[in-house]
């Protein structure tokens, strides 16, 4: 059976077909979700080649687990659970914490362009000083997220960059929805606490520069 026609089959349909031995259906699933898996792995291992290798390993695991998949489980959350576990195993094997990369999805081969750091409010190009401050703040945010406990970091990445809802996060991380909400609250608070000194410093610096400009204008 061909899965390349105009009718778009759901992930569940493709998985059920793959369980029946339809290799083309499984190849379609891989093509559909590969970029997201590479991007997720990249945010843990911070290396494109390693992320590509991890994605390949993830889909090997998915293929091996075809017989255990049940259609009542949402495929995306089931896939992300496998991908997260593979990424965490890789990090543990390295005996080194991952370096969080607050890059856009497009930078890692994904489909979007969101970043964790602040964005310029309008579409004009920032001046060099603004660009430098933005880059500096993103570096502080990266460090803050990297310092989070493992499960808080996982929740932030899946929620912020991959758009998983509370329900999807609960299923992926095998937690209750109230537990997920509490985890995200703690994660955001920890990030905010770590970057607060830099926010205050930036505000004070901007105020000083603004005052100097006003004094020069009235001189």
N, C-alpha and C. Protein backbone atom coordinates (compact mmCIF):
# COMPACT_ATOMS: atom_id res chain seq x y z
N UNK A 1 0.84 -1.21 0.00
CA UNK A 1 0.00 0.00 0.00
C UNK A 1 0.87 1.24 0.00
N UNK A 2 0.47 2.23 -0.80
CA UNK A 2 1.22 3.48 -0.84
C UNK A 2 0.62 4.47 0.14
N UNK A 3 1.51 5.17 0.88
CA UNK A 3 1.09 6.18 1.84
C UNK A 3 1.46 7.57 1.37
N UNK A 4 1.73 7.70 0.10
CA UNK A 4 2.18 9.00 -0.42
C UNK A 4 1.10 9.72 -1.20
N UNK A 5 -0.12 9.24 -1.14
CA UNK A 5 -1.19 9.87 -1.88
C UNK A 5 -1.70 11.11 -1.18
N UNK A 6 -2.86 11.58 -1.65
CA UNK A 6 -3.40 12.82 -1.12
C UNK A 6 -4.04 12.63 0.26
N UNK A 7 -4.46 11.40 0.60
CA UNK A 7 -5.06 11.15 1.89
C UNK A 7 -3.99 11.07 2.96
N UNK A 8 -4.11 11.92 3.97
CA UNK A 8 -3.13 11.94 5.06
C UNK A 8 -3.59 10.98 6.14
N UNK A 9 -2.80 9.96 6.39
CA UNK A 9 -3.13 8.99 7.41
C UNK A 9 -2.63 9.46 8.77
N UNK A 10 -3.36 9.11 9.81
CA UNK A 10 -2.95 9.49 11.15
C UNK A 10 -1.77 8.64 11.59
N UNK A 11 -1.10 9.10 12.64
CA UNK A 11 0.01 8.33 13.19
C UNK A 11 -0.46 6.95 13.65
N UNK A 12 -1.63 6.90 14.25
CA UNK A 12 -2.16 5.62 14.73
C UNK A 12 -2.39 4.67 13.57
N UNK A 13 -2.98 5.16 12.47
CA UNK A 13 -3.20 4.31 11.30
C UNK A 13 -1.87 3.76 10.77
N UNK A 14 -0.87 4.63 10.72
CA UNK A 14 0.43 4.21 10.22
C UNK A 14 1.08 3.18 11.15
N UNK A 15 0.95 3.40 12.46
CA UNK A 15 1.52 2.45 13.41
C UNK A 15 0.83 1.08 13.31
N UNK A 16 -0.48 1.08 13.17
CA UNK A 16 -1.20 -0.18 13.04
C UNK A 16 -0.81 -0.90 11.76
N UNK A 17 -0.62 -0.13 10.69
CA UNK A 17 -0.18 -0.73 9.44
C UNK A 17 1.24 -1.29 9.58
N UNK A 18 2.10 -0.54 10.29
CA UNK A 18 3.47 -1.02 10.50
C UNK A 18 3.47 -2.30 11.33
N UNK A 19 2.55 -2.41 12.28
CA UNK A 19 2.45 -3.63 13.07
C UNK A 19 2.10 -4.82 12.19
N UNK A 20 1.38 -4.57 11.10
CA UNK A 20 1.01 -5.63 10.17
C UNK A 20 2.12 -5.92 9.16
N UNK A 21 3.26 -5.23 9.32
CA UNK A 21 4.38 -5.50 8.44
C UNK A 21 4.54 -4.54 7.28
N UNK A 22 3.81 -3.42 7.31
CA UNK A 22 3.90 -2.44 6.22
C UNK A 22 5.10 -1.52 6.47
N UNK A 23 6.20 -1.82 5.81
CA UNK A 23 7.41 -1.03 6.00
C UNK A 23 7.28 0.39 5.47
N UNK A 24 6.47 0.57 4.43
CA UNK A 24 6.28 1.91 3.88
C UNK A 24 5.55 2.81 4.86
N UNK A 25 4.61 2.24 5.60
CA UNK A 25 3.90 3.01 6.62
C UNK A 25 4.86 3.47 7.70
N UNK A 26 5.77 2.57 8.11
CA UNK A 26 6.75 2.95 9.14
C UNK A 26 7.69 4.02 8.60
N UNK A 27 8.10 3.91 7.35
CA UNK A 27 8.99 4.92 6.75
C UNK A 27 8.31 6.28 6.72
N UNK A 28 7.00 6.30 6.50
CA UNK A 28 6.26 7.56 6.51
C UNK A 28 6.26 8.17 7.90
N UNK A 29 6.12 7.35 8.92
CA UNK A 29 6.18 7.84 10.31
C UNK A 29 7.54 8.45 10.61
N UNK A 30 8.59 7.77 10.18
CA UNK A 30 9.94 8.28 10.41
C UNK A 30 10.12 9.63 9.73
N UNK A 31 9.69 9.71 8.49
CA UNK A 31 9.82 10.97 7.74
C UNK A 31 9.03 12.09 8.42
N UNK A 32 7.88 11.76 8.95
CA UNK A 32 7.00 12.76 9.56
C UNK A 32 7.58 13.30 10.87
N UNK A 33 8.25 12.48 11.64
CA UNK A 33 8.65 12.88 13.00
C UNK A 33 10.16 12.99 13.19
N UNK A 34 10.93 12.71 12.18
CA UNK A 34 12.38 12.67 12.35
C UNK A 34 12.95 14.02 12.78
N UNK A 35 12.50 15.11 12.15
CA UNK A 35 13.03 16.43 12.49
C UNK A 35 12.79 16.76 13.96
N UNK A 36 11.59 16.45 14.45
CA UNK A 36 11.27 16.74 15.85
C UNK A 36 12.15 15.92 16.79
N UNK A 37 12.41 14.66 16.44
CA UNK A 37 13.24 13.82 17.30
C UNK A 37 14.68 14.30 17.29
N UNK A 38 15.19 14.67 16.11
CA UNK A 38 16.55 15.20 16.03
C UNK A 38 16.67 16.47 16.86
N UNK A 39 15.67 17.33 16.75
CA UNK A 39 15.70 18.59 17.50
C UNK A 39 15.67 18.36 19.01
N UNK A 40 14.84 17.42 19.44
CA UNK A 40 14.77 17.10 20.87
C UNK A 40 16.11 16.56 21.36
N UNK A 41 16.69 15.64 20.62
CA UNK A 41 17.98 15.08 21.01
C UNK A 41 19.07 16.15 21.02
N UNK A 42 19.01 17.05 20.06
CA UNK A 42 20.01 18.11 19.95
C UNK A 42 20.02 19.00 21.18
N UNK A 43 18.86 19.24 21.75
CA UNK A 43 18.78 20.10 22.93
C UNK A 43 19.40 19.43 24.15
N UNK A 44 19.59 18.13 24.09
CA UNK A 44 20.26 17.44 25.19
C UNK A 44 21.76 17.27 24.92
N UNK A 45 22.12 16.89 23.70
CA UNK A 45 23.52 16.54 23.44
C UNK A 45 24.31 17.67 22.79
N UNK A 46 23.62 18.70 22.27
CA UNK A 46 24.27 19.91 21.73
C UNK A 46 25.24 19.62 20.59
N UNK A 47 24.98 18.57 19.86
CA UNK A 47 25.83 18.21 18.73
C UNK A 47 24.97 17.61 17.64
N UNK A 48 25.05 18.18 16.46
CA UNK A 48 24.16 17.76 15.37
C UNK A 48 24.37 16.29 15.01
N UNK A 49 25.62 15.87 14.86
CA UNK A 49 25.89 14.49 14.46
C UNK A 49 25.40 13.51 15.52
N UNK A 50 25.63 13.84 16.80
CA UNK A 50 25.16 12.97 17.87
C UNK A 50 23.64 12.92 17.90
N UNK A 51 23.00 14.05 17.63
CA UNK A 51 21.53 14.09 17.60
C UNK A 51 20.99 13.22 16.47
N UNK A 52 21.64 13.26 15.32
CA UNK A 52 21.24 12.42 14.19
C UNK A 52 21.36 10.94 14.57
N UNK A 53 22.47 10.58 15.22
CA UNK A 53 22.67 9.19 15.63
C UNK A 53 21.61 8.77 16.64
N UNK A 54 21.29 9.67 17.58
CA UNK A 54 20.28 9.35 18.58
C UNK A 54 18.91 9.16 17.94
N UNK A 55 18.59 10.00 16.97
CA UNK A 55 17.30 9.87 16.29
C UNK A 55 17.19 8.51 15.60
N UNK A 56 18.28 8.09 14.98
CA UNK A 56 18.28 6.77 14.34
C UNK A 56 18.05 5.68 15.37
N UNK A 57 18.72 5.80 16.53
CA UNK A 57 18.54 4.82 17.60
C UNK A 57 17.10 4.84 18.12
N UNK A 58 16.50 6.02 18.22
CA UNK A 58 15.12 6.13 18.69
C UNK A 58 14.17 5.37 17.77
N UNK A 59 14.32 5.53 16.47
CA UNK A 59 13.40 4.87 15.56
C UNK A 59 13.68 3.37 15.46
N UNK A 60 14.91 2.96 15.74
CA UNK A 60 15.17 1.52 15.86
C UNK A 60 14.40 0.97 17.05
N UNK A 61 14.43 1.71 18.16
CA UNK A 61 13.69 1.28 19.36
C UNK A 61 12.19 1.26 19.09
N UNK A 62 11.71 2.27 18.37
CA UNK A 62 10.28 2.31 18.04
C UNK A 62 9.90 1.08 17.21
N UNK A 63 10.72 0.74 16.24
CA UNK A 63 10.41 -0.41 15.39
C UNK A 63 10.40 -1.69 16.21
N UNK A 64 11.37 -1.81 17.13
CA UNK A 64 11.40 -3.00 17.97
C UNK A 64 10.19 -3.09 18.89
N UNK A 65 9.63 -1.92 19.22
CA UNK A 65 8.50 -1.87 20.16
C UNK A 65 7.15 -1.84 19.46
N UNK A 66 7.13 -2.07 18.16
CA UNK A 66 5.86 -1.99 17.41
C UNK A 66 4.77 -2.86 18.04
N UNK A 67 5.13 -4.03 18.45
CA UNK A 67 4.14 -4.95 18.98
C UNK A 67 3.55 -4.51 20.31
N UNK A 68 4.26 -3.61 21.00
CA UNK A 68 3.78 -3.16 22.31
C UNK A 68 2.94 -1.88 22.21
N UNK A 69 2.90 -1.27 21.03
CA UNK A 69 2.12 -0.04 20.90
C UNK A 69 0.63 -0.36 20.89
N UNK A 70 -0.12 0.48 21.61
CA UNK A 70 -1.58 0.36 21.65
C UNK A 70 -2.20 1.64 21.11
N UNK A 71 -3.21 1.52 20.26
CA UNK A 71 -3.77 2.71 19.59
C UNK A 71 -4.37 3.74 20.54
N UNK A 72 -4.68 3.37 21.77
CA UNK A 72 -5.23 4.36 22.71
C UNK A 72 -4.14 5.32 23.19
N UNK A 73 -2.89 4.99 22.99
CA UNK A 73 -1.79 5.87 23.36
C UNK A 73 -1.48 6.82 22.21
N UNK A 74 -1.37 8.11 22.52
CA UNK A 74 -1.04 9.08 21.48
C UNK A 74 0.39 8.84 21.01
N UNK A 75 0.56 8.69 19.70
CA UNK A 75 1.87 8.30 19.19
C UNK A 75 2.95 9.31 19.54
N UNK A 76 2.65 10.61 19.43
CA UNK A 76 3.68 11.62 19.68
C UNK A 76 4.24 11.53 21.07
N UNK A 77 3.39 11.38 22.07
CA UNK A 77 3.88 11.30 23.44
C UNK A 77 4.63 9.99 23.67
N UNK A 78 4.17 8.93 23.06
CA UNK A 78 4.86 7.65 23.16
C UNK A 78 6.25 7.75 22.54
N UNK A 79 6.33 8.39 21.37
CA UNK A 79 7.61 8.59 20.69
C UNK A 79 8.54 9.48 21.52
N UNK A 80 8.02 10.59 22.06
CA UNK A 80 8.85 11.50 22.83
C UNK A 80 9.39 10.84 24.09
N UNK A 81 8.60 9.96 24.68
CA UNK A 81 9.09 9.26 25.87
C UNK A 81 10.31 8.41 25.52
N UNK A 82 10.24 7.73 24.38
CA UNK A 82 11.38 6.93 23.93
C UNK A 82 12.57 7.83 23.62
N UNK A 83 12.31 8.97 22.97
CA UNK A 83 13.38 9.89 22.59
C UNK A 83 14.05 10.51 23.81
N UNK A 84 13.25 10.91 24.78
CA UNK A 84 13.81 11.50 26.00
C UNK A 84 14.65 10.47 26.75
N UNK A 85 14.13 9.26 26.88
CA UNK A 85 14.88 8.23 27.59
C UNK A 85 16.21 7.92 26.89
N UNK A 86 16.18 7.89 25.56
CA UNK A 86 17.42 7.64 24.81
C UNK A 86 18.41 8.77 25.01
N UNK A 87 17.92 10.01 25.02
CA UNK A 87 18.79 11.17 25.21
C UNK A 87 19.39 11.17 26.60
N UNK A 88 18.58 10.88 27.60
CA UNK A 88 19.07 10.86 28.98
C UNK A 88 20.07 9.73 29.19
N UNK A 89 19.83 8.59 28.56
CA UNK A 89 20.78 7.49 28.66
C UNK A 89 22.12 7.88 28.05
N UNK A 90 22.07 8.59 26.94
CA UNK A 90 23.31 9.04 26.30
C UNK A 90 24.08 9.98 27.22
N UNK A 91 23.34 10.90 27.86
CA UNK A 91 23.99 11.85 28.77
C UNK A 91 24.60 11.11 29.96
N UNK A 92 23.86 10.16 30.51
CA UNK A 92 24.39 9.41 31.65
C UNK A 92 25.62 8.61 31.25
N UNK A 93 25.59 8.06 30.06
CA UNK A 93 26.74 7.29 29.60
C UNK A 93 27.97 8.18 29.45
N UNK A 94 27.76 9.42 29.10
CA UNK A 94 28.88 10.35 29.00
C UNK A 94 29.37 10.82 30.36
N UNK A 95 28.53 10.59 31.38
CA UNK A 95 28.83 11.06 32.73
C UNK A 95 29.09 12.57 32.73
N UNK A 96 28.22 13.24 32.01
CA UNK A 96 28.38 14.69 31.89
C UNK A 96 27.00 15.30 31.67
N UNK A 97 26.76 16.42 32.28
CA UNK A 97 25.47 17.08 32.10
C UNK A 97 25.37 17.67 30.71
N UNK A 98 24.15 17.70 30.14
CA UNK A 98 23.99 18.29 28.81
C UNK A 98 24.09 19.80 28.85
N UNK A 99 24.53 20.35 27.76
CA UNK A 99 24.53 21.80 27.61
C UNK A 99 23.29 22.20 26.85
N UNK A 100 22.41 22.93 27.51
CA UNK A 100 21.16 23.34 26.89
C UNK A 100 21.43 24.34 25.78
N UNK A 101 20.78 24.14 24.64
CA UNK A 101 20.95 25.03 23.52
C UNK A 101 19.63 25.74 23.25
N UNK A 102 19.59 27.04 23.50
CA UNK A 102 18.36 27.80 23.25
C UNK A 102 18.37 28.30 21.82
N UNK A 103 18.40 27.34 20.88
CA UNK A 103 18.39 27.71 19.48
C UNK A 103 16.99 27.51 18.95
N UNK A 104 16.71 28.11 17.81
CA UNK A 104 15.42 27.93 17.19
C UNK A 104 15.29 26.53 16.62
N UNK A 105 14.05 26.08 16.40
CA UNK A 105 13.84 24.77 15.83
C UNK A 105 14.46 24.67 14.45
N UNK A 106 14.43 25.75 13.70
CA UNK A 106 15.00 25.72 12.36
C UNK A 106 16.49 25.48 12.40
N UNK A 107 17.19 25.95 13.46
CA UNK A 107 18.63 25.77 13.56
C UNK A 107 19.00 24.31 13.73
N UNK A 108 18.08 23.53 14.30
CA UNK A 108 18.37 22.13 14.53
C UNK A 108 17.64 21.23 13.55
N UNK A 109 17.13 21.82 12.47
CA UNK A 109 16.47 21.04 11.46
C UNK A 109 14.99 20.83 11.73
N UNK A 110 14.39 21.62 12.64
CA UNK A 110 12.98 21.48 12.95
C UNK A 110 12.12 22.32 12.05
N UNK A 111 10.89 22.55 12.53
CA UNK A 111 9.91 23.23 11.69
C UNK A 111 9.55 24.62 12.16
N UNK A 112 10.13 25.09 13.25
CA UNK A 112 9.75 26.39 13.78
C UNK A 112 10.94 27.28 14.00
N UNK A 113 10.70 28.45 14.61
CA UNK A 113 11.81 29.36 14.83
C UNK A 113 11.77 30.01 16.19
N UNK A 114 11.07 29.38 17.15
CA UNK A 114 10.96 29.98 18.47
C UNK A 114 12.27 29.83 19.23
N UNK A 115 12.55 30.74 20.14
CA UNK A 115 13.70 30.62 21.02
C UNK A 115 13.23 30.83 22.43
N UNK A 116 14.00 30.31 23.41
CA UNK A 116 13.62 30.45 24.80
C UNK A 116 13.85 31.86 25.27
N UNK A 117 14.85 32.52 24.73
CA UNK A 117 15.18 33.87 25.17
C UNK A 117 14.19 34.90 24.70
N UNK A 118 14.35 36.12 25.17
CA UNK A 118 13.46 37.20 24.80
C UNK A 118 13.61 37.53 23.33
N UNK A 119 12.55 38.03 22.72
CA UNK A 119 12.59 38.41 21.32
C UNK A 119 12.38 39.91 21.22
N UNK A 120 12.87 40.46 20.13
CA UNK A 120 12.68 41.88 19.90
C UNK A 120 11.19 42.13 19.68
N UNK A 121 10.67 43.18 20.30
CA UNK A 121 9.24 43.41 20.29
C UNK A 121 8.69 43.67 18.90
N UNK A 122 9.45 44.32 18.03
CA UNK A 122 8.97 44.56 16.69
C UNK A 122 9.95 43.93 15.70
N UNK A 123 9.73 44.15 14.42
CA UNK A 123 10.51 43.47 13.40
C UNK A 123 11.73 44.26 12.95
N UNK A 124 12.01 45.38 13.58
CA UNK A 124 13.19 46.14 13.19
C UNK A 124 14.45 45.43 13.67
N UNK A 125 15.54 45.67 13.00
CA UNK A 125 16.80 45.08 13.42
C UNK A 125 17.32 45.81 14.65
N UNK A 126 17.76 45.08 15.69
CA UNK A 126 18.28 45.76 16.88
C UNK A 126 19.63 46.38 16.57
N UNK A 127 19.95 47.45 17.31
CA UNK A 127 21.28 48.04 17.13
C UNK A 127 22.31 47.13 17.79
N UNK A 128 23.61 47.35 17.53
CA UNK A 128 24.62 46.43 18.08
C UNK A 128 24.55 46.24 19.58
N UNK A 129 24.26 47.32 20.32
CA UNK A 129 24.18 47.20 21.77
C UNK A 129 23.01 46.29 22.17
N UNK A 130 21.86 46.48 21.53
CA UNK A 130 20.70 45.65 21.83
C UNK A 130 20.98 44.19 21.48
N UNK A 131 21.63 43.98 20.34
CA UNK A 131 21.94 42.61 19.92
C UNK A 131 22.87 41.94 20.92
N UNK A 132 23.85 42.69 21.41
CA UNK A 132 24.80 42.14 22.38
C UNK A 132 24.09 41.78 23.68
N UNK A 133 23.18 42.66 24.13
CA UNK A 133 22.45 42.42 25.36
C UNK A 133 21.53 41.20 25.21
N UNK A 134 20.90 41.07 24.03
CA UNK A 134 20.02 39.94 23.79
C UNK A 134 20.80 38.63 23.82
N UNK A 135 21.95 38.63 23.16
CA UNK A 135 22.80 37.44 23.14
C UNK A 135 23.26 37.08 24.54
N UNK A 136 23.64 38.09 25.32
CA UNK A 136 24.08 37.87 26.68
C UNK A 136 22.97 37.27 27.53
N UNK A 137 21.75 37.79 27.38
CA UNK A 137 20.64 37.27 28.16
C UNK A 137 20.32 35.84 27.78
N UNK A 138 20.37 35.52 26.48
CA UNK A 138 20.10 34.15 26.05
C UNK A 138 21.13 33.19 26.62
N UNK A 139 22.37 33.63 26.74
CA UNK A 139 23.40 32.80 27.34
C UNK A 139 23.10 32.52 28.81
N UNK A 140 22.62 33.54 29.52
CA UNK A 140 22.26 33.36 30.92
C UNK A 140 21.07 32.41 31.05
N UNK A 141 20.11 32.52 30.14
CA UNK A 141 18.95 31.63 30.17
C UNK A 141 19.38 30.20 29.88
N UNK A 142 20.26 30.01 28.91
CA UNK A 142 20.76 28.68 28.60
C UNK A 142 21.41 28.05 29.84
N UNK A 143 22.24 28.84 30.50
CA UNK A 143 22.92 28.33 31.70
C UNK A 143 21.92 28.00 32.79
N UNK A 144 20.89 28.83 32.93
CA UNK A 144 19.88 28.59 33.97
C UNK A 144 19.11 27.31 33.71
N UNK A 145 18.74 27.07 32.46
CA UNK A 145 17.99 25.85 32.12
C UNK A 145 18.89 24.63 32.26
N UNK A 146 20.14 24.78 31.86
CA UNK A 146 21.09 23.67 31.98
C UNK A 146 21.28 23.26 33.43
N UNK A 147 21.13 24.21 34.35
CA UNK A 147 21.34 23.93 35.78
C UNK A 147 20.11 23.31 36.45
N UNK A 148 19.00 23.24 35.74
CA UNK A 148 17.79 22.68 36.34
C UNK A 148 17.95 21.19 36.61
N UNK A 149 17.25 20.69 37.62
CA UNK A 149 17.20 19.24 37.81
C UNK A 149 16.65 18.56 36.56
N UNK A 150 17.00 17.32 36.37
CA UNK A 150 16.72 16.60 35.13
C UNK A 150 15.26 16.68 34.70
N UNK A 151 14.33 16.41 35.58
CA UNK A 151 12.92 16.36 35.20
C UNK A 151 12.36 17.76 34.94
N UNK A 152 12.84 18.76 35.67
CA UNK A 152 12.42 20.13 35.38
C UNK A 152 12.89 20.55 34.00
N UNK A 153 14.13 20.21 33.68
CA UNK A 153 14.68 20.56 32.37
C UNK A 153 13.89 19.87 31.26
N UNK A 154 13.56 18.60 31.47
CA UNK A 154 12.79 17.85 30.48
C UNK A 154 11.42 18.49 30.25
N UNK A 155 10.76 18.89 31.34
CA UNK A 155 9.43 19.49 31.22
C UNK A 155 9.48 20.81 30.47
N UNK A 156 10.49 21.63 30.78
CA UNK A 156 10.63 22.92 30.09
C UNK A 156 10.85 22.71 28.60
N UNK A 157 11.74 21.80 28.24
CA UNK A 157 12.06 21.56 26.83
C UNK A 157 10.83 21.06 26.08
N UNK A 158 10.14 20.08 26.64
CA UNK A 158 8.99 19.51 25.94
C UNK A 158 7.83 20.49 25.86
N UNK A 159 7.64 21.28 26.91
CA UNK A 159 6.54 22.23 26.92
C UNK A 159 6.82 23.45 26.06
N UNK A 160 8.00 24.04 26.21
CA UNK A 160 8.32 25.29 25.53
C UNK A 160 8.65 25.08 24.06
N UNK A 161 9.47 24.08 23.76
CA UNK A 161 9.97 23.94 22.40
C UNK A 161 9.16 22.98 21.55
N UNK A 162 8.51 22.01 22.20
CA UNK A 162 7.78 21.01 21.43
C UNK A 162 6.27 21.13 21.61
N UNK A 163 5.85 22.09 22.41
CA UNK A 163 4.43 22.41 22.50
C UNK A 163 3.55 21.36 23.14
N UNK A 164 4.12 20.48 23.97
CA UNK A 164 3.30 19.47 24.61
C UNK A 164 2.40 20.11 25.67
N UNK A 165 1.17 19.70 25.68
CA UNK A 165 0.21 20.20 26.68
C UNK A 165 0.48 19.53 28.02
N UNK A 166 -0.22 20.00 29.06
CA UNK A 166 -0.07 19.37 30.37
C UNK A 166 -0.42 17.88 30.28
N UNK A 167 -1.49 17.57 29.55
CA UNK A 167 -1.91 16.18 29.41
C UNK A 167 -0.85 15.33 28.72
N UNK A 168 -0.26 15.89 27.65
CA UNK A 168 0.77 15.16 26.91
C UNK A 168 2.04 15.00 27.74
N UNK A 169 2.39 16.06 28.48
CA UNK A 169 3.55 15.97 29.36
C UNK A 169 3.33 14.90 30.44
N UNK A 170 2.14 14.87 31.00
CA UNK A 170 1.83 13.90 32.04
C UNK A 170 2.00 12.48 31.51
N UNK A 171 1.52 12.26 30.28
CA UNK A 171 1.64 10.93 29.69
C UNK A 171 3.10 10.60 29.36
N UNK A 172 3.81 11.58 28.79
CA UNK A 172 5.19 11.36 28.39
C UNK A 172 6.08 11.10 29.59
N UNK A 173 5.90 11.89 30.65
CA UNK A 173 6.77 11.80 31.83
C UNK A 173 6.20 10.89 32.91
N UNK A 174 5.02 10.31 32.62
CA UNK A 174 4.37 9.38 33.54
C UNK A 174 4.15 10.03 34.91
N UNK A 175 3.53 11.21 34.87
CA UNK A 175 3.19 11.95 36.07
C UNK A 175 1.73 12.37 35.99
N UNK A 176 1.19 12.85 37.11
CA UNK A 176 -0.15 13.40 37.12
C UNK A 176 -0.11 14.82 36.53
N UNK A 177 -1.26 15.30 36.07
CA UNK A 177 -1.32 16.67 35.55
C UNK A 177 -0.98 17.69 36.64
N UNK A 178 -1.53 17.58 37.87
CA UNK A 178 -1.10 18.51 38.92
C UNK A 178 0.40 18.44 39.18
N UNK A 179 0.98 17.24 39.09
CA UNK A 179 2.42 17.10 39.28
C UNK A 179 3.20 17.82 38.19
N UNK A 180 2.72 17.75 36.94
CA UNK A 180 3.37 18.44 35.83
C UNK A 180 3.29 19.95 36.03
N UNK A 181 2.13 20.45 36.41
CA UNK A 181 1.98 21.88 36.64
C UNK A 181 2.93 22.36 37.73
N UNK A 182 3.02 21.61 38.80
CA UNK A 182 3.92 21.97 39.89
C UNK A 182 5.37 21.94 39.44
N UNK A 183 5.71 20.94 38.62
CA UNK A 183 7.08 20.82 38.12
C UNK A 183 7.45 22.02 37.26
N UNK A 184 6.55 22.45 36.38
CA UNK A 184 6.81 23.59 35.52
C UNK A 184 6.90 24.88 36.32
N UNK A 185 6.05 25.02 37.33
CA UNK A 185 6.12 26.22 38.18
C UNK A 185 7.49 26.30 38.85
N UNK A 186 7.97 25.19 39.39
CA UNK A 186 9.27 25.18 40.04
C UNK A 186 10.39 25.45 39.04
N UNK A 187 10.27 24.87 37.85
CA UNK A 187 11.31 25.07 36.83
C UNK A 187 11.39 26.53 36.42
N UNK A 188 10.24 27.14 36.16
CA UNK A 188 10.24 28.56 35.75
C UNK A 188 10.74 29.46 36.86
N UNK A 189 10.36 29.13 38.09
CA UNK A 189 10.83 29.93 39.22
C UNK A 189 12.34 29.82 39.37
N UNK A 190 12.87 28.63 39.17
CA UNK A 190 14.32 28.45 39.28
C UNK A 190 15.07 29.20 38.19
N UNK A 191 14.52 29.18 36.96
CA UNK A 191 15.14 29.93 35.88
C UNK A 191 15.09 31.42 36.17
N UNK A 192 13.93 31.88 36.62
CA UNK A 192 13.75 33.30 36.91
C UNK A 192 14.71 33.75 38.02
N UNK A 193 14.86 32.92 39.04
CA UNK A 193 15.75 33.26 40.15
C UNK A 193 17.19 33.40 39.67
N UNK A 194 17.60 32.53 38.77
CA UNK A 194 18.98 32.55 38.30
C UNK A 194 19.27 33.74 37.38
N UNK A 195 18.27 34.16 36.60
CA UNK A 195 18.53 35.25 35.65
C UNK A 195 18.13 36.61 36.21
N UNK A 196 17.49 36.63 37.38
CA UNK A 196 17.02 37.90 37.96
C UNK A 196 18.16 38.91 38.13
N UNK A 197 19.32 38.50 38.64
CA UNK A 197 20.40 39.50 38.80
C UNK A 197 20.81 40.14 37.48
N UNK A 198 20.76 39.39 36.39
CA UNK A 198 21.13 39.93 35.09
C UNK A 198 20.04 40.85 34.54
N UNK A 199 18.78 40.52 34.86
CA UNK A 199 17.69 41.40 34.45
C UNK A 199 17.79 42.74 35.16
N UNK A 200 18.06 42.70 36.48
CA UNK A 200 18.20 43.93 37.25
C UNK A 200 19.39 44.74 36.75
N UNK A 201 20.49 44.06 36.49
CA UNK A 201 21.69 44.73 36.00
C UNK A 201 21.42 45.40 34.65
N UNK A 202 20.68 44.68 33.78
CA UNK A 202 20.37 45.24 32.47
C UNK A 202 19.47 46.45 32.57
N UNK A 203 18.50 46.39 33.50
CA UNK A 203 17.59 47.53 33.69
C UNK A 203 18.35 48.74 34.21
N UNK A 204 19.24 48.50 35.17
CA UNK A 204 20.03 49.61 35.71
C UNK A 204 20.94 50.21 34.65
N UNK A 205 21.53 49.34 33.81
CA UNK A 205 22.42 49.84 32.77
C UNK A 205 21.65 50.66 31.74
N UNK A 206 20.45 50.20 31.39
CA UNK A 206 19.63 50.94 30.44
C UNK A 206 19.21 52.29 31.00
N UNK A 207 18.87 52.30 32.31
CA UNK A 207 18.48 53.55 32.93
C UNK A 207 19.62 54.55 32.96
N UNK A 208 20.82 54.06 33.24
CA UNK A 208 22.00 54.95 33.26
C UNK A 208 22.27 55.52 31.89
N UNK A 209 22.18 54.65 30.85
CA UNK A 209 22.43 55.12 29.49
C UNK A 209 21.37 56.13 29.06
N UNK A 210 20.11 55.89 29.46
CA UNK A 210 19.03 56.79 29.09
C UNK A 210 19.22 58.16 29.76
N UNK A 211 19.63 58.15 31.03
CA UNK A 211 19.84 59.40 31.74
C UNK A 211 20.96 60.20 31.10
N UNK A 212 22.03 59.49 30.69
CA UNK A 212 23.15 60.18 30.05
C UNK A 212 22.73 60.80 28.74
N UNK A 213 21.90 60.12 27.99
CA UNK A 213 21.40 60.64 26.71
C UNK A 213 20.55 61.87 26.93
N UNK A 214 19.70 61.83 27.96
CA UNK A 214 18.83 62.98 28.25
C UNK A 214 19.65 64.18 28.68
N UNK A 215 20.71 63.95 29.47
CA UNK A 215 21.55 65.08 29.92
C UNK A 215 22.27 65.71 28.72
N UNK A 216 22.73 64.84 27.80
CA UNK A 216 23.40 65.39 26.62
C UNK A 216 22.45 66.17 25.74
N UNK A 217 21.17 65.72 25.74
CA UNK A 217 20.19 66.41 24.90
C UNK A 217 19.81 67.77 25.44
N UNK A 218 19.95 67.98 26.77
CA UNK A 218 19.56 69.27 27.35
C UNK A 218 20.76 70.19 27.56
N UNK A 219 21.95 69.67 27.24
CA UNK A 219 23.15 70.48 27.44
C UNK A 219 23.24 71.62 26.43
